[in-house]
Amino acid sequence: MTTNSMKLYKLIILYFLHKAKQEITNATLSDFILKYGYTNYFSIQETLASLTEDNMIHTSQTHAASYYTIADKGLETLQFFSYQLPKDTMQQIDEYLAENKIQITNTASIRSDYTKTTSNEYLVRCTILEHGDTMAEVAVTLPTEEMAIDACSRFKKKNSDIYRYLFKALTTDET
């Protein structure tokens, strides 16, 4: 990968994260970059690793996904070098974010992950976020990793029902 290519990929990712104004998954970034043919998957991962190492982006991970946000240093870099990002690339990013807003928001807003406990059980933590703030969080310990994986998957599919049930159970006398 050439220096100019790496710089372009970094600017694309920084601009994407800045315009998204929320955490973005590796899968979403990769989907955009691959869809428009900017580079291959391995170059994307190399660029993300470089941006993380240079403290231009923040990274958080679950068993199922990696999430990225732009850091202050990344924003400063973007502001300084944004003139080098082609206008049509910016437009493609803006259009992609607009067209996929609901899916991107849902992907970043519904989190579930598990960790192995000292007693060899699995703690499943499920979270619903809105604009980066935790709206609901549920943690449950399960006896097997398979059950933990299944619970994470079910939460992603049924989070609205779970949230409605919890809200109703916690705020009303109805059963």
C-alpha atoms as a PDB file:
ATOM      1  CA  MET A   1       0.000   0.000   0.000  1.00  0.00           C
ATOM      2  CA  THR A   2       1.433   3.375  -0.970  1.00  0.00           C
ATOM      3  CA  THR A   3       1.703   6.324   1.404  1.00  0.00           C
ATOM      4  CA  ASN A   4      -0.866   8.269  -0.637  1.00  0.00           C
ATOM      5  CA  SER A   5      -3.277   5.330  -0.593  1.00  0.00           C
ATOM      6  CA  MET A   6      -2.940   4.963   3.180  1.00  0.00           C
ATOM      7  CA  LYS A   7      -3.548   8.696   3.615  1.00  0.00           C
ATOM      8  CA  LEU A   8      -6.705   8.492   1.471  1.00  0.00           C
ATOM      9  CA  TYR A   9      -8.026   5.476   3.433  1.00  0.00           C
ATOM     10  CA  LYS A  10      -7.349   7.253   6.716  1.00  0.00           C
ATOM     11  CA  LEU A  11      -9.171  10.377   5.552  1.00  0.00           C
ATOM     12  CA  ILE A  12     -12.130   8.300   4.333  1.00  0.00           C
ATOM     13  CA  ILE A  13     -12.438   6.571   7.708  1.00  0.00           C
ATOM     14  CA  LEU A  14     -11.965   9.772   9.708  1.00  0.00           C
ATOM     15  CA  TYR A  15     -14.541  11.630   7.604  1.00  0.00           C
ATOM     16  CA  PHE A  16     -16.973   8.690   7.864  1.00  0.00           C
ATOM     17  CA  LEU A  17     -16.655   8.545  11.657  1.00  0.00           C
ATOM     18  CA  HIS A  18     -16.944  12.324  11.982  1.00  0.00           C
ATOM     19  CA  LYS A  19     -20.085  12.512   9.842  1.00  0.00           C
ATOM     20  CA  ALA A  20     -21.702   9.486  11.518  1.00  0.00           C
ATOM     21  CA  LYS A  21     -21.653  11.186  14.937  1.00  0.00           C
ATOM     22  CA  GLN A  22     -21.913   7.798  16.670  1.00  0.00           C
ATOM     23  CA  GLU A  23     -19.968   4.579  17.056  1.00  0.00           C
ATOM     24  CA  ILE A  24     -19.580   2.699  13.789  1.00  0.00           C
ATOM     25  CA  THR A  25     -18.880  -0.996  13.427  1.00  0.00           C
ATOM     26  CA  ASN A  26     -15.986  -2.443  11.495  1.00  0.00           C
ATOM     27  CA  ALA A  27     -18.572  -4.161   9.292  1.00  0.00           C
ATOM     28  CA  THR A  28     -20.235  -0.846   8.381  1.00  0.00           C
ATOM     29  CA  LEU A  29     -16.928   0.847   7.523  1.00  0.00           C
ATOM     30  CA  SER A  30     -15.822  -2.178   5.504  1.00  0.00           C
ATOM     31  CA  ASP A  31     -19.154  -2.350   3.696  1.00  0.00           C
ATOM     32  CA  PHE A  32     -18.868   1.250   2.525  1.00  0.00           C
ATOM     33  CA  ILE A  33     -15.200   1.035   1.484  1.00  0.00           C
ATOM     34  CA  LEU A  34     -15.633  -2.286  -0.327  1.00  0.00           C
ATOM     35  CA  LYS A  35     -18.926  -1.215  -1.948  1.00  0.00           C
ATOM     36  CA  TYR A  36     -17.229   1.728  -3.640  1.00  0.00           C
ATOM     37  CA  GLY A  37     -14.053  -0.220  -4.404  1.00  0.00           C
ATOM     38  CA  TYR A  38     -11.590   1.996  -2.557  1.00  0.00           C
ATOM     39  CA  THR A  39      -9.473  -0.920  -1.349  1.00  0.00           C
ATOM     40  CA  ASN A  40      -9.584  -4.485  -0.063  1.00  0.00           C
ATOM     41  CA  TYR A  41     -10.539  -5.809   3.362  1.00  0.00           C
ATOM     42  CA  PHE A  42      -6.948  -6.305   4.537  1.00  0.00           C
ATOM     43  CA  SER A  43      -5.988  -2.704   3.742  1.00  0.00           C
ATOM     44  CA  ILE A  44      -9.040  -1.518   5.683  1.00  0.00           C
ATOM     45  CA  GLN A  45      -7.932  -3.499   8.742  1.00  0.00           C
ATOM     46  CA  GLU A  46      -4.372  -2.215   8.405  1.00  0.00           C
ATOM     47  CA  THR A  47      -5.656   1.356   8.194  1.00  0.00           C
ATOM     48  CA  LEU A  48      -7.912   0.929  11.228  1.00  0.00           C
ATOM     49  CA  ALA A  49      -5.001  -0.520  13.210  1.00  0.00           C
ATOM     50  CA  SER A  50      -2.798   2.410  12.202  1.00  0.00           C
ATOM     51  CA  LEU A  51      -5.459   4.976  13.132  1.00  0.00           C
ATOM     52  CA  THR A  52      -5.951   3.263  16.495  1.00  0.00           C
ATOM     53  CA  GLU A  53      -2.208   3.092  17.152  1.00  0.00           C
ATOM     54  CA  ASP A  54      -1.883   6.803  16.276  1.00  0.00           C
ATOM     55  CA  ASN A  55      -4.751   7.622  18.713  1.00  0.00           C
ATOM     56  CA  MET A  56      -6.880   9.115  15.930  1.00  0.00           C
ATOM     57  CA  ILE A  57      -9.792   6.774  16.596  1.00  0.00           C
ATOM     58  CA  HIS A  58     -11.146   5.035  19.697  1.00  0.00           C
ATOM     59  CA  THR A  59     -11.947   1.335  19.561  1.00  0.00           C
ATOM     60  CA  SER A  60     -14.217  -0.838  21.662  1.00  0.00           C
ATOM     61  CA  GLN A  61     -14.945  -4.499  21.103  1.00  0.00           C
ATOM     62  CA  THR A  62     -17.432  -7.212  21.882  1.00  0.00           C
ATOM     63  CA  HIS A  63     -17.282 -10.866  20.857  1.00  0.00           C
ATOM     64  CA  ALA A  64     -19.382  -9.990  17.828  1.00  0.00           C
ATOM     65  CA  ALA A  65     -18.097  -6.600  16.648  1.00  0.00           C
ATOM     66  CA  SER A  66     -15.527  -3.833  16.823  1.00  0.00           C
ATOM     67  CA  TYR A  67     -16.793  -0.263  17.217  1.00  0.00           C
ATOM     68  CA  TYR A  68     -14.984   2.936  16.261  1.00  0.00           C
ATOM     69  CA  THR A  69     -15.345   6.644  17.024  1.00  0.00           C
ATOM     70  CA  ILE A  70     -13.194   9.552  15.975  1.00  0.00           C
ATOM     71  CA  ALA A  71     -10.803  10.905  18.623  1.00  0.00           C
ATOM     72  CA  ASP A  72      -9.875  14.569  19.081  1.00  0.00           C
ATOM     73  CA  LYS A  73      -6.539  13.949  17.368  1.00  0.00           C
ATOM     74  CA  GLY A  74      -8.349  12.349  14.425  1.00  0.00           C
ATOM     75  CA  LEU A  75     -10.730  15.293  14.160  1.00  0.00           C
ATOM     76  CA  GLU A  76      -7.794  17.728  14.146  1.00  0.00           C
ATOM     77  CA  THR A  77      -6.089  15.687  11.440  1.00  0.00           C
ATOM     78  CA  LEU A  78      -9.277  15.578   9.376  1.00  0.00           C
ATOM     79  CA  GLN A  79      -9.747  19.331   9.654  1.00  0.00           C
ATOM     80  CA  PHE A  80      -6.168  19.944   8.574  1.00  0.00           C
ATOM     81  CA  PHE A  81      -6.153  17.507   5.615  1.00  0.00           C
ATOM     82  CA  SER A  82      -9.824  17.386   4.559  1.00  0.00           C
ATOM     83  CA  TYR A  83      -9.052  19.372   1.407  1.00  0.00           C
ATOM     84  CA  GLN A  84      -7.201  16.254   0.162  1.00  0.00           C
ATOM     85  CA  LEU A  85     -10.335  14.111   0.352  1.00  0.00           C
ATOM     86  CA  PRO A  86     -12.124  14.191  -3.024  1.00  0.00           C
ATOM     87  CA  LYS A  87     -15.540  15.890  -2.973  1.00  0.00           C
ATOM     88  CA  ASP A  88     -17.187  12.902  -4.691  1.00  0.00           C
ATOM     89  CA  THR A  89     -15.872  10.633  -1.914  1.00  0.00           C
ATOM     90  CA  MET A  90     -17.379  12.946   0.713  1.00  0.00           C
ATOM     91  CA  GLN A  91     -20.656  12.890  -1.184  1.00  0.00           C
ATOM     92  CA  GLN A  92     -20.618   9.076  -1.352  1.00  0.00           C
ATOM     93  CA  ILE A  93     -20.056   8.906   2.407  1.00  0.00           C
ATOM     94  CA  ASP A  94     -22.828  11.425   3.101  1.00  0.00           C
ATOM     95  CA  GLU A  95     -25.250   9.514   0.851  1.00  0.00           C
ATOM     96  CA  TYR A  96     -24.293   6.140   2.342  1.00  0.00           C
ATOM     97  CA  LEU A  97     -24.848   7.420   5.869  1.00  0.00           C
ATOM     98  CA  ALA A  98     -28.220   8.930   4.902  1.00  0.00           C
ATOM     99  CA  GLU A  99     -29.383   5.779   3.086  1.00  0.00           C
ATOM    100  CA  ASN A 100     -28.285   3.444   5.894  1.00  0.00           C
ATOM    101  CA  LYS A 101     -29.026   5.642   8.912  1.00  0.00           C
ATOM    102  CA  ILE A 102     -31.569   3.330  10.553  1.00  0.00           C
ATOM    103  CA  GLN A 103     -29.472   0.191  10.106  1.00  0.00           C
ATOM    104  CA  ILE A 104     -26.318   1.948  11.324  1.00  0.00           C
ATOM    105  CA  THR A 105     -28.118   3.341  14.375  1.00  0.00           C
ATOM    106  CA  ASN A 106     -29.618  -0.045  15.237  1.00  0.00           C
ATOM    107  CA  THR A 107     -26.287  -1.812  14.811  1.00  0.00           C
ATOM    108  CA  ALA A 108     -24.488   0.640  17.100  1.00  0.00           C
ATOM    109  CA  SER A 109     -27.329   0.973  19.612  1.00  0.00           C
ATOM    110  CA  ILE A 110     -27.982  -2.664  20.461  1.00  0.00           C
ATOM    111  CA  ARG A 111     -25.079  -4.361  22.219  1.00  0.00           C
ATOM    112  CA  SER A 112     -24.719  -7.787  23.701  1.00  0.00           C
ATOM    113  CA  ASP A 113     -21.582  -9.521  24.869  1.00  0.00           C
ATOM    114  CA  TYR A 114     -20.456 -12.155  27.323  1.00  0.00           C
ATOM    115  CA  THR A 115     -17.460 -12.923  29.477  1.00  0.00           C
ATOM    116  CA  LYS A 116     -16.386 -16.029  31.337  1.00  0.00           C
ATOM    117  CA  THR A 117     -16.582 -15.616  35.114  1.00  0.00           C
ATOM    118  CA  THR A 118     -14.221 -16.991  37.745  1.00  0.00           C
ATOM    119  CA  SER A 119     -16.836 -19.629  38.569  1.00  0.00           C
ATOM    120  CA  ASN A 120     -16.712 -20.902  34.942  1.00  0.00           C
ATOM    121  CA  GLU A 121     -20.090 -19.486  34.058  1.00  0.00           C
ATOM    122  CA  TYR A 122     -20.814 -16.786  31.485  1.00  0.00           C
ATOM    123  CA  LEU A 123     -21.982 -13.279  32.282  1.00  0.00           C
ATOM    124  CA  VAL A 124     -24.124 -11.919  29.452  1.00  0.00           C
ATOM    125  CA  ARG A 125     -24.486  -8.134  29.338  1.00  0.00           C
ATOM    126  CA  CYS A 126     -27.106  -6.659  27.013  1.00  0.00           C
ATOM    127  CA  THR A 127     -27.350  -2.903  26.455  1.00  0.00           C
ATOM    128  CA  ILE A 128     -29.591  -0.515  24.541  1.00  0.00           C
ATOM    129  CA  LEU A 129     -27.960   2.821  23.756  1.00  0.00           C
ATOM    130  CA  GLU A 130     -29.491   6.021  22.447  1.00  0.00           C
ATOM    131  CA  HIS A 131     -27.142   8.792  21.299  1.00  0.00           C
ATOM    132  CA  GLY A 132     -24.365   7.100  23.264  1.00  0.00           C
ATOM    133  CA  ASP A 133     -26.347   7.029  26.522  1.00  0.00           C
ATOM    134  CA  THR A 134     -27.422   3.755  28.127  1.00  0.00           C
ATOM    135  CA  MET A 135     -31.212   3.426  28.032  1.00  0.00           C
ATOM    136  CA  ALA A 136     -31.353  -0.102  29.458  1.00  0.00           C
ATOM    137  CA  GLU A 137     -28.862  -2.710  30.536  1.00  0.00           C
ATOM    138  CA  VAL A 138     -29.469  -6.284  31.610  1.00  0.00           C
ATOM    139  CA  ALA A 139     -26.899  -8.736  32.926  1.00  0.00           C
ATOM    140  CA  VAL A 140     -27.521 -12.415  33.493  1.00  0.00           C
ATOM    141  CA  THR A 141     -25.234 -15.340  34.316  1.00  0.00           C
ATOM    142  CA  LEU A 142     -25.647 -18.502  32.260  1.00  0.00           C
ATOM    143  CA  PRO A 143     -24.026 -21.911  32.738  1.00  0.00           C
ATOM    144  CA  THR A 144     -22.631 -22.500  29.218  1.00  0.00           C
ATOM    145  CA  GLU A 145     -20.968 -20.504  26.473  1.00  0.00           C
ATOM    146  CA  GLU A 146     -23.536 -21.801  23.966  1.00  0.00           C
ATOM    147  CA  MET A 147     -26.346 -20.361  26.096  1.00  0.00           C
ATOM    148  CA  ALA A 148     -24.464 -17.055  26.359  1.00  0.00           C
ATOM    149  CA  ILE A 149     -24.030 -16.851  22.582  1.00  0.00           C
ATOM    150  CA  ASP A 150     -27.697 -17.698  22.077  1.00  0.00           C
ATOM    151  CA  ALA A 151     -28.785 -15.060  24.622  1.00  0.00           C
ATOM    152  CA  CYS A 152     -26.697 -12.401  22.850  1.00  0.00           C
ATOM    153  CA  SER A 153     -28.258 -13.328  19.524  1.00  0.00           C
ATOM    154  CA  ARG A 154     -31.797 -13.353  20.926  1.00  0.00           C
ATOM    155  CA  PHE A 155     -31.312  -9.951  22.541  1.00  0.00           C
ATOM    156  CA  LYS A 156     -30.335  -8.430  19.202  1.00  0.00           C
ATOM    157  CA  LYS A 157     -33.505  -9.835  17.642  1.00  0.00           C
ATOM    158  CA  LYS A 158     -35.926  -9.158  20.524  1.00  0.00           C
ATOM    159  CA  ASN A 159     -34.491  -6.011  22.152  1.00  0.00           C
ATOM    160  CA  SER A 160     -37.620  -3.913  21.562  1.00  0.00           C
ATOM    161  CA  ASP A 161     -39.873  -6.504  23.199  1.00  0.00           C
ATOM    162  CA  ILE A 162     -37.457  -6.923  26.102  1.00  0.00           C
ATOM    163  CA  TYR A 163     -37.196  -3.170  26.626  1.00  0.00           C
ATOM    164  CA  ARG A 164     -41.006  -2.731  26.532  1.00  0.00           C
ATOM    165  CA  TYR A 165     -41.465  -5.573  29.012  1.00  0.00           C
ATOM    166  CA  LEU A 166     -38.833  -4.210  31.418  1.00  0.00           C
ATOM    167  CA  PHE A 167     -40.152  -0.670  31.167  1.00  0.00           C
ATOM    168  CA  LYS A 168     -43.709  -1.800  31.832  1.00  0.00           C
ATOM    169  CA  ALA A 169     -42.715  -4.144  34.663  1.00  0.00           C
ATOM    170  CA  LEU A 170     -40.622  -1.470  36.354  1.00  0.00           C
ATOM    171  CA  THR A 171     -42.985   1.476  35.948  1.00  0.00           C
ATOM    172  CA  THR A 172     -46.503   0.075  36.321  1.00  0.00           C
ATOM    173  CA  ASP A 173     -48.450  -2.229  38.609  1.00  0.00           C
ATOM    174  CA  GLU A 174     -49.705  -4.295  35.650  1.00  0.00           C
ATOM    175  CA  THR A 175     -48.541  -7.871  35.375  1.00  0.00           C
END
